[in-house]
Every structure is written in C-alpha cells, then in structure tokens.
C-alpha cells in the first residue's frame, strides 16, 4: 500500500513536470540552435520543431535553415529542401507505448562560426 502511494506520487510529479515544460516550450525554443536535433518522447512536433521524417519543406518559409543544411538530405534546391529522415533511428523502450522520435529545430539561434 505504501509503495503504491509512493509510485503514484512519483508519477504525478513526472506528469506535472512534463506538462509544465510544454507550457514554457516557447522560451526553450529560443535557447536552442536552429538545426539542432533532439530526441523527444512524445508523438507531436512542438512549436518551432518538425519531425525528422525526410519531408520536403519550402525554402521561402525556412531560408535560414536552408542556408545551414541545403540539399544535403534531398529537395530540388530552388523551391524546397528535405529534412533528415531519422524514422529508422527511433528508440523504443520496453514499457513505452510509442517510440521516441527525433525532431529538428526550425527556429532558434542561428549558429555562428568562431
């Protein structure tokens, strides 16, 4: 009984921290570098991020990111370019209902050279 209560409290704390992080995610996105790739445990793209599924995105709306990765992962280089396809690199844990997916930052700090 005592262990069940302790587990419930821990799960509640984890859920609260997870959902409060989502609320402040906009400020976190401004602290990452554009083009950074992160592994997240949820199945939706937060604001300013996109799943790394090899999809084509327009250069016109993502010119800064295009200047960083170009057509390395595909695209025609005039109207669109492709994001990396990391679907096969997804991580699946034993007790997790869904795999963790890789996401790329579409917004954030533009990396500079030293």
PDB file of N, CA and C in Angstrom:
ATOM      1  N   UNK A   1       0.828  -1.198   0.000  1.00  0.00           N
ATOM      2  CA  UNK A   1       0.000   0.000   0.000  1.00  0.00           C
ATOM      3  C   UNK A   1       0.869   1.258   0.000  1.00  0.00           C
ATOM      4  N   UNK A   2       1.897   1.245   0.868  1.00  0.00           N
ATOM      5  CA  UNK A   2       2.785   2.395   0.970  1.00  0.00           C
ATOM      6  C   UNK A   2       3.576   2.580  -0.334  1.00  0.00           C
ATOM      7  N   UNK A   3       4.013   1.472  -0.941  1.00  0.00           N
ATOM      8  CA  UNK A   3       4.754   1.552  -2.195  1.00  0.00           C
ATOM      9  C   UNK A   3       3.880   2.059  -3.334  1.00  0.00           C
ATOM     10  N   UNK A   4       2.600   1.643  -3.351  1.00  0.00           N
ATOM     11  CA  UNK A   4       1.685   2.118  -4.388  1.00  0.00           C
ATOM     12  C   UNK A   4       1.473   3.621  -4.282  1.00  0.00           C
ATOM     13  N   UNK A   5       1.349   4.123  -3.076  1.00  0.00           N
ATOM     14  CA  UNK A   5       1.172   5.563  -2.874  1.00  0.00           C
ATOM     15  C   UNK A   5       2.431   6.313  -3.310  1.00  0.00           C
ATOM     16  N   UNK A   6       3.598   5.776  -2.964  1.00  0.00           N
ATOM     17  CA  UNK A   6       4.862   6.402  -3.348  1.00  0.00           C
ATOM     18  C   UNK A   6       4.993   6.442  -4.871  1.00  0.00           C
ATOM     19  N   UNK A   7       4.648   5.351  -5.541  1.00  0.00           N
ATOM     20  CA  UNK A   7       4.703   5.306  -7.007  1.00  0.00           C
ATOM     21  C   UNK A   7       3.725   6.306  -7.621  1.00  0.00           C
ATOM     22  N   UNK A   8       2.547   6.407  -7.055  1.00  0.00           N
ATOM     23  CA  UNK A   8       1.553   7.352  -7.571  1.00  0.00           C
ATOM     24  C   UNK A   8       2.035   8.789  -7.450  1.00  0.00           C
ATOM     25  N   UNK A   9       2.679   9.116  -6.352  1.00  0.00           N
ATOM     26  CA  UNK A   9       3.196  10.465  -6.140  1.00  0.00           C
ATOM     27  C   UNK A   9       4.308  10.757  -7.152  1.00  0.00           C
ATOM     28  N   UNK A  10       5.186   9.796  -7.370  1.00  0.00           N
ATOM     29  CA  UNK A  10       6.275   9.991  -8.331  1.00  0.00           C
ATOM     30  C   UNK A  10       5.729  10.188  -9.736  1.00  0.00           C
ATOM     31  N   UNK A  11       4.750   9.388 -10.112  1.00  0.00           N
ATOM     32  CA  UNK A  11       4.140   9.527 -11.443  1.00  0.00           C
ATOM     33  C   UNK A  11       3.468  10.886 -11.577  1.00  0.00           C
ATOM     34  N   UNK A  12       2.782  11.325 -10.546  1.00  0.00           N
ATOM     35  CA  UNK A  12       2.128  12.630 -10.571  1.00  0.00           C
ATOM     36  C   UNK A  12       3.154  13.751 -10.741  1.00  0.00           C
ATOM     37  N   UNK A  13       4.266  13.674 -10.037  1.00  0.00           N
ATOM     38  CA  UNK A  13       5.316  14.689 -10.161  1.00  0.00           C
ATOM     39  C   UNK A  13       5.883  14.697 -11.575  1.00  0.00           C
ATOM     40  N   UNK A  14       6.121  13.517 -12.136  1.00  0.00           N
ATOM     41  CA  UNK A  14       6.636  13.441 -13.502  1.00  0.00           C
ATOM     42  C   UNK A  14       5.652  14.023 -14.509  1.00  0.00           C
ATOM     43  N   UNK A  15       4.376  13.724 -14.346  1.00  0.00           N
ATOM     44  CA  UNK A  15       3.362  14.267 -15.259  1.00  0.00           C
ATOM     45  C   UNK A  15       3.280  15.785 -15.155  1.00  0.00           C
ATOM     46  N   UNK A  16       3.318  16.299 -13.949  1.00  0.00           N
ATOM     47  CA  UNK A  16       3.258  17.755 -13.770  1.00  0.00           C
ATOM     48  C   UNK A  16       4.468  18.412 -14.414  1.00  0.00           C
ATOM     49  N   UNK A  17       5.658  17.837 -14.211  1.00  0.00           N
ATOM     50  CA  UNK A  17       6.849  18.440 -14.813  1.00  0.00           C
ATOM     51  C   UNK A  17       6.800  18.356 -16.327  1.00  0.00           C
ATOM     52  N   UNK A  18       6.267  17.249 -16.865  1.00  0.00           N
ATOM     53  CA  UNK A  18       6.162  17.118 -18.321  1.00  0.00           C
ATOM     54  C   UNK A  18       5.219  18.169 -18.899  1.00  0.00           C
ATOM     55  N   UNK A  19       4.047  18.333 -18.293  1.00  0.00           N
ATOM     56  CA  UNK A  19       3.076  19.275 -18.843  1.00  0.00           C
ATOM     57  C   UNK A  19       3.469  20.730 -18.608  1.00  0.00           C
ATOM     58  N   UNK A  20       4.161  21.027 -17.540  1.00  0.00           N
ATOM     59  CA  UNK A  20       4.595  22.406 -17.347  1.00  0.00           C
ATOM     60  C   UNK A  20       5.734  22.760 -18.281  1.00  0.00           C
ATOM     61  N   UNK A  21       6.538  21.779 -18.683  1.00  0.00           N
ATOM     62  CA  UNK A  21       7.585  22.046 -19.669  1.00  0.00           C
ATOM     63  C   UNK A  21       6.954  22.429 -20.995  1.00  0.00           C
ATOM     64  N   UNK A  22       5.840  21.802 -21.352  1.00  0.00           N
ATOM     65  CA  UNK A  22       5.162  22.134 -22.600  1.00  0.00           C
ATOM     66  C   UNK A  22       4.672  23.571 -22.616  1.00  0.00           C
ATOM     67  N   UNK A  23       4.294  24.087 -21.446  1.00  0.00           N
ATOM     68  CA  UNK A  23       3.801  25.455 -21.361  1.00  0.00           C
ATOM     69  C   UNK A  23       4.926  26.448 -21.630  1.00  0.00           C
ATOM     70  N   UNK A  24       6.127  26.141 -21.179  1.00  0.00           N
ATOM     71  CA  UNK A  24       7.238  27.071 -21.336  1.00  0.00           C
ATOM     72  C   UNK A  24       8.123  26.712 -22.525  1.00  0.00           C
ATOM     73  N   UNK A  25       7.646  25.884 -23.408  1.00  0.00           N
ATOM     74  CA  UNK A  25       8.481  25.413 -24.501  1.00  0.00           C
ATOM     75  C   UNK A  25       8.887  26.526 -25.458  1.00  0.00           C
ATOM     76  N   UNK A  26       8.066  27.557 -25.571  1.00  0.00           N
ATOM     77  CA  UNK A  26       8.393  28.658 -26.474  1.00  0.00           C
ATOM     78  C   UNK A  26       9.709  29.316 -26.061  1.00  0.00           C
ATOM     79  N   UNK A  27       9.931  29.491 -24.757  1.00  0.00           N
ATOM     80  CA  UNK A  27      11.173  30.098 -24.313  1.00  0.00           C
ATOM     81  C   UNK A  27      12.342  29.138 -24.525  1.00  0.00           C
ATOM     82  N   UNK A  28      12.105  27.835 -24.401  1.00  0.00           N
ATOM     83  CA  UNK A  28      13.166  26.862 -24.625  1.00  0.00           C
ATOM     84  C   UNK A  28      13.596  26.877 -26.088  1.00  0.00           C
ATOM     85  N   UNK A  29      12.640  27.024 -27.004  1.00  0.00           N
ATOM     86  CA  UNK A  29      12.956  27.014 -28.429  1.00  0.00           C
ATOM     87  C   UNK A  29      13.872  28.175 -28.797  1.00  0.00           C
ATOM     88  N   UNK A  30      13.817  29.270 -28.059  1.00  0.00           N
ATOM     89  CA  UNK A  30      14.686  30.400 -28.377  1.00  0.00           C
ATOM     90  C   UNK A  30      16.099  30.201 -27.834  1.00  0.00           C
ATOM     91  N   UNK A  31      16.322  29.157 -27.023  1.00  0.00           N
ATOM     92  CA  UNK A  31      17.637  28.892 -26.469  1.00  0.00           C
ATOM     93  C   UNK A  31      18.381  27.786 -27.216  1.00  0.00           C
ATOM     94  N   UNK A  32      17.755  27.151 -28.177  1.00  0.00           N
ATOM     95  CA  UNK A  32      18.424  26.108 -28.948  1.00  0.00           C
ATOM     96  C   UNK A  32      18.913  26.692 -30.262  1.00  0.00           C
ATOM     97  N   UNK A  33      19.831  26.007 -30.883  1.00  0.00           N
ATOM     98  CA  UNK A  33      20.315  26.436 -32.188  1.00  0.00           C
ATOM     99  C   UNK A  33      19.418  25.876 -33.281  1.00  0.00           C
ATOM    100  N   UNK A  34      19.169  26.680 -34.274  1.00  0.00           N
ATOM    101  CA  UNK A  34      18.418  26.241 -35.439  1.00  0.00           C
ATOM    102  C   UNK A  34      19.158  25.056 -36.061  1.00  0.00           C
ATOM    103  N   UNK A  35      18.416  24.008 -36.377  1.00  0.00           N
ATOM    104  CA  UNK A  35      19.013  22.823 -36.972  1.00  0.00           C
ATOM    105  C   UNK A  35      19.421  21.764 -35.962  1.00  0.00           C
ATOM    106  N   UNK A  36      19.313  22.070 -34.653  1.00  0.00           N
ATOM    107  CA  UNK A  36      19.618  21.059 -33.637  1.00  0.00           C
ATOM    108  C   UNK A  36      18.616  19.927 -33.740  1.00  0.00           C
ATOM    109  N   UNK A  37      19.064  18.724 -33.481  1.00  0.00           N
ATOM    110  CA  UNK A  37      18.176  17.562 -33.495  1.00  0.00           C
ATOM    111  C   UNK A  37      18.119  16.999 -32.087  1.00  0.00           C
ATOM    112  N   UNK A  38      16.873  16.793 -31.598  1.00  0.00           N
ATOM    113  CA  UNK A  38      16.643  16.269 -30.253  1.00  0.00           C
ATOM    114  C   UNK A  38      15.738  15.054 -30.323  1.00  0.00           C
ATOM    115  N   UNK A  39      15.877  14.183 -29.354  1.00  0.00           N
ATOM    116  CA  UNK A  39      15.030  13.014 -29.209  1.00  0.00           C
ATOM    117  C   UNK A  39      13.975  13.322 -28.157  1.00  0.00           C
ATOM    118  N   UNK A  40      12.697  13.297 -28.546  1.00  0.00           N
ATOM    119  CA  UNK A  40      11.603  13.577 -27.618  1.00  0.00           C
ATOM    120  C   UNK A  40      10.730  12.339 -27.469  1.00  0.00           C
ATOM    121  N   UNK A  41      10.085  12.226 -26.329  1.00  0.00           N
ATOM    122  CA  UNK A  41       9.286  11.041 -26.031  1.00  0.00           C
ATOM    123  C   UNK A  41       7.814  11.199 -26.375  1.00  0.00           C
ATOM    124  N   UNK A  42       7.459  12.204 -27.117  1.00  0.00           N
ATOM    125  CA  UNK A  42       6.061  12.362 -27.497  1.00  0.00           C
ATOM    126  C   UNK A  42       5.944  12.303 -29.008  1.00  0.00           C
ATOM    127  N   UNK A  43       4.705  12.141 -29.482  1.00  0.00           N
ATOM    128  CA  UNK A  43       4.476  11.888 -30.905  1.00  0.00           C
ATOM    129  C   UNK A  43       3.880  13.098 -31.621  1.00  0.00           C
ATOM    130  N   UNK A  44       4.259  14.292 -31.205  1.00  0.00           N
ATOM    131  CA  UNK A  44       3.806  15.510 -31.884  1.00  0.00           C
ATOM    132  C   UNK A  44       4.952  16.504 -31.896  1.00  0.00           C
ATOM    133  N   UNK A  45       4.958  17.341 -32.896  1.00  0.00           N
ATOM    134  CA  UNK A  45       6.029  18.326 -33.020  1.00  0.00           C
ATOM    135  C   UNK A  45       5.678  19.578 -32.222  1.00  0.00           C
ATOM    136  N   UNK A  46       6.517  19.965 -31.260  1.00  0.00           N
ATOM    137  CA  UNK A  46       6.281  21.223 -30.543  1.00  0.00           C
ATOM    138  C   UNK A  46       6.414  22.407 -31.495  1.00  0.00           C
ATOM    139  N   UNK A  47       5.943  23.550 -31.072  1.00  0.00           N
ATOM    140  CA  UNK A  47       6.040  24.753 -31.894  1.00  0.00           C
ATOM    141  C   UNK A  47       7.507  25.045 -32.209  1.00  0.00           C
ATOM    142  N   UNK A  48       7.799  25.282 -33.481  1.00  0.00           N
ATOM    143  CA  UNK A  48       9.159  25.590 -33.891  1.00  0.00           C
ATOM    144  C   UNK A  48      10.016  24.370 -34.180  1.00  0.00           C
ATOM    145  N   UNK A  49       9.426  23.167 -34.145  1.00  0.00           N
ATOM    146  CA  UNK A  49      10.137  21.926 -34.387  1.00  0.00           C
ATOM    147  C   UNK A  49       9.402  21.127 -35.451  1.00  0.00           C
ATOM    148  N   UNK A  50      10.091  20.187 -36.088  1.00  0.00           N
ATOM    149  CA  UNK A  50       9.471  19.286 -37.061  1.00  0.00           C
ATOM    150  C   UNK A  50      10.084  17.904 -36.892  1.00  0.00           C
ATOM    151  N   UNK A  51       9.272  16.876 -37.124  1.00  0.00           N
ATOM    152  CA  UNK A  51       9.783  15.510 -37.066  1.00  0.00           C
ATOM    153  C   UNK A  51      10.802  15.306 -38.167  1.00  0.00           C
ATOM    154  N   UNK A  52      11.817  14.532 -37.890  1.00  0.00           N
ATOM    155  CA  UNK A  52      12.838  14.197 -38.888  1.00  0.00           C
ATOM    156  C   UNK A  52      12.356  12.984 -39.677  1.00  0.00           C
ATOM    157  N   UNK A  53      11.507  13.240 -40.671  1.00  0.00           N
ATOM    158  CA  UNK A  53      10.918  12.174 -41.473  1.00  0.00           C
ATOM    159  C   UNK A  53      11.240  12.323 -42.956  1.00  0.00           C
ATOM    160  N   UNK A  54      12.216  13.139 -43.299  1.00  0.00           N
ATOM    161  CA  UNK A  54      12.609  13.306 -44.687  1.00  0.00           C
ATOM    162  C   UNK A  54      11.645  14.121 -45.526  1.00  0.00           C
ATOM    163  N   UNK A  55      10.735  14.844 -44.875  1.00  0.00           N
ATOM    164  CA  UNK A  55       9.737  15.606 -45.618  1.00  0.00           C
ATOM    165  C   UNK A  55      10.351  16.827 -46.297  1.00  0.00           C
ATOM    166  N   UNK A  56       9.747  17.217 -47.407  1.00  0.00           N
ATOM    167  CA  UNK A  56      10.173  18.416 -48.132  1.00  0.00           C
ATOM    168  C   UNK A  56       9.505  19.627 -47.515  1.00  0.00           C
ATOM    169  N   UNK A  57      10.275  20.690 -47.308  1.00  0.00           N
ATOM    170  CA  UNK A  57       9.705  21.934 -46.801  1.00  0.00           C
ATOM    171  C   UNK A  57      10.148  23.077 -47.713  1.00  0.00           C
ATOM    172  N   UNK A  58       9.321  24.125 -47.817  1.00  0.00           N
ATOM    173  CA  UNK A  58       9.643  25.224 -48.739  1.00  0.00           C
ATOM    174  C   UNK A  58      10.814  26.077 -48.246  1.00  0.00           C
ATOM    175  N   UNK A  59      11.667  26.438 -49.178  1.00  0.00           N
ATOM    176  CA  UNK A  59      12.817  27.287 -48.851  1.00  0.00           C
ATOM    177  C   UNK A  59      12.349  28.676 -48.433  1.00  0.00           C
ATOM    178  N   UNK A  60      11.317  29.182 -49.097  1.00  0.00           N
ATOM    179  CA  UNK A  60      10.861  30.550 -48.849  1.00  0.00           C
ATOM    180  C   UNK A  60      10.493  30.780 -47.384  1.00  0.00           C
ATOM    181  N   UNK A  61       9.844  29.812 -46.730  1.00  0.00           N
ATOM    182  CA  UNK A  61       9.455  29.978 -45.322  1.00  0.00           C
ATOM    183  C   UNK A  61      10.552  29.546 -44.354  1.00  0.00           C
ATOM    184  N   UNK A  62      11.601  28.884 -44.846  1.00  0.00           N
ATOM    185  CA  UNK A  62      12.652  28.357 -43.974  1.00  0.00           C
ATOM    186  C   UNK A  62      14.038  28.655 -44.542  1.00  0.00           C
ATOM    187  N   UNK A  63      14.260  29.882 -44.987  1.00  0.00           N
ATOM    188  CA  UNK A  63      15.507  30.260 -45.658  1.00  0.00           C
ATOM    189  C   UNK A  63      16.730  30.101 -44.753  1.00  0.00           C
ATOM    190  N   UNK A  64      16.600  30.452 -43.485  1.00  0.00           N
ATOM    191  CA  UNK A  64      17.745  30.359 -42.580  1.00  0.00           C
ATOM    192  C   UNK A  64      18.156  28.901 -42.374  1.00  0.00           C
ATOM    193  N   UNK A  65      17.185  28.020 -42.168  1.00  0.00           N
ATOM    194  CA  UNK A  65      17.514  26.606 -42.009  1.00  0.00           C
ATOM    195  C   UNK A  65      18.091  26.040 -43.301  1.00  0.00           C
ATOM    196  N   UNK A  66      17.560  26.475 -44.440  1.00  0.00           N
ATOM    197  CA  UNK A  66      18.089  26.022 -45.725  1.00  0.00           C
ATOM    198  C   UNK A  66      19.553  26.444 -45.891  1.00  0.00           C
ATOM    199  N   UNK A  67      19.897  27.630 -45.392  1.00  0.00           N
ATOM    200  CA  UNK A  67      21.278  28.082 -45.508  1.00  0.00           C
ATOM    201  C   UNK A  67      22.227  27.209 -44.682  1.00  0.00           C
ATOM    202  N   UNK A  68      21.694  26.502 -43.693  1.00  0.00           N
ATOM    203  CA  UNK A  68      22.525  25.626 -42.862  1.00  0.00           C
ATOM    204  C   UNK A  68      22.668  24.223 -43.444  1.00  0.00           C
ATOM    205  N   UNK A  69      21.548  23.624 -43.891  1.00  0.00           N
ATOM    206  CA  UNK A  69      21.619  22.227 -44.326  1.00  0.00           C
ATOM    207  C   UNK A  69      21.509  22.046 -45.832  1.00  0.00           C
ATOM    208  N   UNK A  70      21.045  23.056 -46.556  1.00  0.00           N
ATOM    209  CA  UNK A  70      20.960  22.977 -48.014  1.00  0.00           C
ATOM    210  C   UNK A  70      20.192  21.760 -48.492  1.00  0.00           C
ATOM    211  N   UNK A  71      20.679  21.133 -49.540  1.00  0.00           N
ATOM    212  CA  UNK A  71      20.013  19.944 -50.094  1.00  0.00           C
ATOM    213  C   UNK A  71      20.740  18.666 -49.682  1.00  0.00           C
ATOM    214  N   UNK A  72      21.383  18.688 -48.534  1.00  0.00           N
ATOM    215  CA  UNK A  72      22.112  17.516 -48.040  1.00  0.00           C
ATOM    216  C   UNK A  72      21.221  16.288 -47.962  1.00  0.00           C
ATOM    217  N   UNK A  73      19.951  16.473 -47.578  1.00  0.00           N
ATOM    218  CA  UNK A  73      19.037  15.352 -47.385  1.00  0.00           C
ATOM    219  C   UNK A  73      18.015  15.234 -48.504  1.00  0.00           C
ATOM    220  N   UNK A  74      18.124  16.063 -49.538  1.00  0.00           N
ATOM    221  CA  UNK A  74      17.217  15.988 -50.679  1.00  0.00           C
ATOM    222  C   UNK A  74      16.554  17.324 -50.965  1.00  0.00           C
ATOM    223  N   UNK A  75      15.663  17.306 -51.937  1.00  0.00           N
ATOM    224  CA  UNK A  75      14.983  18.514 -52.375  1.00  0.00           C
ATOM    225  C   UNK A  75      15.600  19.018 -53.667  1.00  0.00           C
ATOM    226  N   UNK A  76      14.899  19.964 -54.312  1.00  0.00           N
ATOM    227  CA  UNK A  76      15.401  20.453 -55.596  1.00  0.00           C
ATOM    228  C   UNK A  76      16.317  21.672 -55.456  1.00  0.00           C
ATOM    229  N   UNK A  77      16.378  22.296 -54.276  1.00  0.00           N
ATOM    230  CA  UNK A  77      17.279  23.417 -54.056  1.00  0.00           C
ATOM    231  C   UNK A  77      16.808  24.746 -54.611  1.00  0.00           C
ATOM    232  N   UNK A  78      15.677  24.766 -55.328  1.00  0.00           N
ATOM    233  CA  UNK A  78      15.143  26.028 -55.834  1.00  0.00           C
ATOM    234  C   UNK A  78      13.872  26.426 -55.106  1.00  0.00           C
ATOM    235  N   UNK A  79      13.008  25.463 -54.825  1.00  0.00           N
ATOM    236  CA  UNK A  79      11.775  25.773 -54.103  1.00  0.00           C
ATOM    237  C   UNK A  79      11.652  25.012 -52.792  1.00  0.00           C
ATOM    238  N   UNK A  80      12.348  23.874 -52.658  1.00  0.00           N
ATOM    239  CA  UNK A  80      12.208  23.098 -51.425  1.00  0.00           C
ATOM    240  C   UNK A  80      13.515  22.378 -51.079  1.00  0.00           C
ATOM    241  N   UNK A  81      13.573  21.880 -49.855  1.00  0.00           N
ATOM    242  CA  UNK A  81      14.678  21.047 -49.384  1.00  0.00           C
ATOM    243  C   UNK A  81      14.104  20.049 -48.390  1.00  0.00           C
ATOM    244  N   UNK A  82      14.847  18.983 -48.139  1.00  0.00           N
ATOM    245  CA  UNK A  82      14.354  17.911 -47.277  1.00  0.00           C
ATOM    246  C   UNK A  82      15.025  17.945 -45.910  1.00  0.00           C
ATOM    247  N   UNK A  83      14.246  17.560 -44.914  1.00  0.00           N
ATOM    248  CA  UNK A  83      14.778  17.375 -43.571  1.00  0.00           C
ATOM    249  C   UNK A  83      15.371  15.971 -43.482  1.00  0.00           C
ATOM    250  N   UNK A  84      16.238  15.711 -42.522  1.00  0.00           N
ATOM    251  CA  UNK A  84      16.788  14.356 -42.399  1.00  0.00           C
ATOM    252  C   UNK A  84      15.699  13.342 -42.085  1.00  0.00           C
ATOM    253  N   UNK A  85      15.878  12.116 -42.536  1.00  0.00           N
ATOM    254  CA  UNK A  85      14.922  11.043 -42.260  1.00  0.00           C
ATOM    255  C   UNK A  85      15.521  10.124 -41.207  1.00  0.00           C
ATOM    256  N   UNK A  86      15.065  10.282 -39.972  1.00  0.00           N
ATOM    257  CA  UNK A  86      15.584   9.506 -38.854  1.00  0.00           C
ATOM    258  C   UNK A  86      14.530   8.571 -38.269  1.00  0.00           C
ATOM    259  N   UNK A  87      13.547   8.194 -39.075  1.00  0.00           N
ATOM    260  CA  UNK A  87      12.495   7.302 -38.579  1.00  0.00           C
ATOM    261  C   UNK A  87      13.045   5.946 -38.164  1.00  0.00           C
ATOM    262  N   UNK A  88      14.038   5.445 -38.876  1.00  0.00           N
ATOM    263  CA  UNK A  88      14.596   4.136 -38.529  1.00  0.00           C
ATOM    264  C   UNK A  88      15.488   4.202 -37.297  1.00  0.00           C
ATOM    265  N   UNK A  89      15.834   5.394 -36.861  1.00  0.00           N
ATOM    266  CA  UNK A  89      16.681   5.557 -35.675  1.00  0.00           C
ATOM    267  C   UNK A  89      15.863   5.793 -34.411  1.00  0.00           C
ATOM    268  N   UNK A  90      14.530   5.714 -34.509  1.00  0.00           N
ATOM    269  CA  UNK A  90      13.671   5.941 -33.346  1.00  0.00           C
ATOM    270  C   UNK A  90      13.987   4.912 -32.262  1.00  0.00           C
ATOM    271  N   UNK A  91      13.840   5.319 -31.012  1.00  0.00           N
ATOM    272  CA  UNK A  91      14.166   4.478 -29.864  1.00  0.00           C
ATOM    273  C   UNK A  91      12.877   3.965 -29.247  1.00  0.00           C
ATOM    274  N   UNK A  92      12.801   2.654 -29.003  1.00  0.00           N
ATOM    275  CA  UNK A  92      11.621   2.056 -28.380  1.00  0.00           C
ATOM    276  C   UNK A  92      12.030   1.433 -27.056  1.00  0.00           C
ATOM    277  N   UNK A  93      11.415   1.888 -25.962  1.00  0.00           N
ATOM    278  CA  UNK A  93      11.684   1.306 -24.658  1.00  0.00           C
ATOM    279  C   UNK A  93      10.670   0.208 -24.366  1.00  0.00           C
ATOM    280  N   UNK A  94      11.000  -0.704 -23.473  1.00  0.00           N
ATOM    281  CA  UNK A  94      10.152  -1.856 -23.180  1.00  0.00           C
ATOM    282  C   UNK A  94       8.736  -1.480 -22.787  1.00  0.00           C
ATOM    283  N   UNK A  95       8.587  -0.577 -21.848  1.00  0.00           N
ATOM    284  CA  UNK A  95       7.268  -0.249 -21.315  1.00  0.00           C
ATOM    285  C   UNK A  95       6.625   0.971 -21.970  1.00  0.00           C
ATOM    286  N   UNK A  96       7.233   1.470 -23.027  1.00  0.00           N
ATOM    287  CA  UNK A  96       6.722   2.665 -23.686  1.00  0.00           C
ATOM    288  C   UNK A  96       5.723   2.270 -24.779  1.00  0.00           C
ATOM    289  N   UNK A  97       4.562   2.929 -24.830  1.00  0.00           N
ATOM    290  CA  UNK A  97       3.575   2.595 -25.863  1.00  0.00           C
ATOM    291  C   UNK A  97       3.990   3.063 -27.254  1.00  0.00           C
ATOM    292  N   UNK A  98       4.878   4.021 -27.352  1.00  0.00           N
ATOM    293  CA  UNK A  98       5.294   4.548 -28.656  1.00  0.00           C
ATOM    294  C   UNK A  98       6.793   4.818 -28.635  1.00  0.00           C
ATOM    295  N   UNK A  99       7.428   4.770 -29.790  1.00  0.00           N
ATOM    296  CA  UNK A  99       8.870   5.047 -29.822  1.00  0.00           C
ATOM    297  C   UNK A  99       9.153   6.535 -29.635  1.00  0.00           C
ATOM    298  N   UNK A 100      10.345   6.833 -29.150  1.00  0.00           N
ATOM    299  CA  UNK A 100      10.792   8.215 -29.068  1.00  0.00           C
ATOM    300  C   UNK A 100      11.226   8.626 -30.468  1.00  0.00           C
ATOM    301  N   UNK A 101      10.907   9.863 -30.862  1.00  0.00           N
ATOM    302  CA  UNK A 101      11.187  10.327 -32.220  1.00  0.00           C
ATOM    303  C   UNK A 101      12.175  11.488 -32.199  1.00  0.00           C
ATOM    304  N   UNK A 102      12.892  11.639 -33.313  1.00  0.00           N
ATOM    305  CA  UNK A 102      13.823  12.747 -33.469  1.00  0.00           C
ATOM    306  C   UNK A 102      13.116  13.944 -34.103  1.00  0.00           C
ATOM    307  N   UNK A 103      13.423  15.140 -33.597  1.00  0.00           N
ATOM    308  CA  UNK A 103      12.855  16.391 -34.088  1.00  0.00           C
ATOM    309  C   UNK A 103      13.986  17.365 -34.367  1.00  0.00           C
ATOM    310  N   UNK A 104      13.783  18.235 -35.372  1.00  0.00           N
ATOM    311  CA  UNK A 104      14.773  19.245 -35.724  1.00  0.00           C
ATOM    312  C   UNK A 104      14.199  20.627 -35.426  1.00  0.00           C
ATOM    313  N   UNK A 105      15.019  21.507 -34.884  1.00  0.00           N
ATOM    314  CA  UNK A 105      14.590  22.867 -34.554  1.00  0.00           C
ATOM    315  C   UNK A 105      14.533  23.702 -35.834  1.00  0.00           C
ATOM    316  N   UNK A 106      13.346  24.181 -36.164  1.00  0.00           N
ATOM    317  CA  UNK A 106      13.165  25.047 -37.329  1.00  0.00           C
ATOM    318  C   UNK A 106      13.451  26.497 -36.976  1.00  0.00           C
ATOM    319  N   UNK A 107      13.387  26.812 -35.685  1.00  0.00           N
ATOM    320  CA  UNK A 107      13.615  28.157 -35.198  1.00  0.00           C
ATOM    321  C   UNK A 107      14.665  28.094 -34.092  1.00  0.00           C
ATOM    322  N   UNK A 108      15.217  29.210 -33.746  1.00  0.00           N
ATOM    323  CA  UNK A 108      16.195  29.263 -32.671  1.00  0.00           C
ATOM    324  C   UNK A 108      17.346  30.173 -33.052  1.00  0.00           C
ATOM    325  N   UNK A 109      18.414  30.048 -32.319  1.00  0.00           N
ATOM    326  CA  UNK A 109      19.601  30.863 -32.550  1.00  0.00           C
ATOM    327  C   UNK A 109      20.307  30.375 -33.820  1.00  0.00           C
ATOM    328  N   UNK A 110      20.752  31.327 -34.634  1.00  0.00           N
ATOM    329  CA  UNK A 110      21.481  30.954 -35.836  1.00  0.00           C
ATOM    330  C   UNK A 110      22.935  30.714 -35.443  1.00  0.00           C
ATOM    331  N   UNK A 111      23.475  29.521 -35.711  1.00  0.00           N
ATOM    332  CA  UNK A 111      24.856  29.246 -35.308  1.00  0.00           C
ATOM    333  C   UNK A 111      25.852  30.127 -36.058  1.00  0.00           C
ATOM    334  N   UNK A 112      26.865  30.584 -35.340  1.00  0.00           N
ATOM    335  CA  UNK A 112      27.887  31.414 -35.965  1.00  0.00           C
ATOM    336  C   UNK A 112      29.223  30.687 -35.907  1.00  0.00           C
ATOM    337  N   UNK A 113      30.112  31.071 -36.785  1.00  0.00           N
ATOM    338  CA  UNK A 113      31.447  30.476 -36.786  1.00  0.00           C
ATOM    339  C   UNK A 113      32.354  31.268 -35.866  1.00  0.00           C
ATOM    340  N   UNK A 114      33.290  30.586 -35.200  1.00  0.00           N
ATOM    341  CA  UNK A 114      34.209  31.300 -34.290  1.00  0.00           C
ATOM    342  C   UNK A 114      35.204  32.161 -35.045  1.00  0.00           C
TER     343      UNK A 114
END
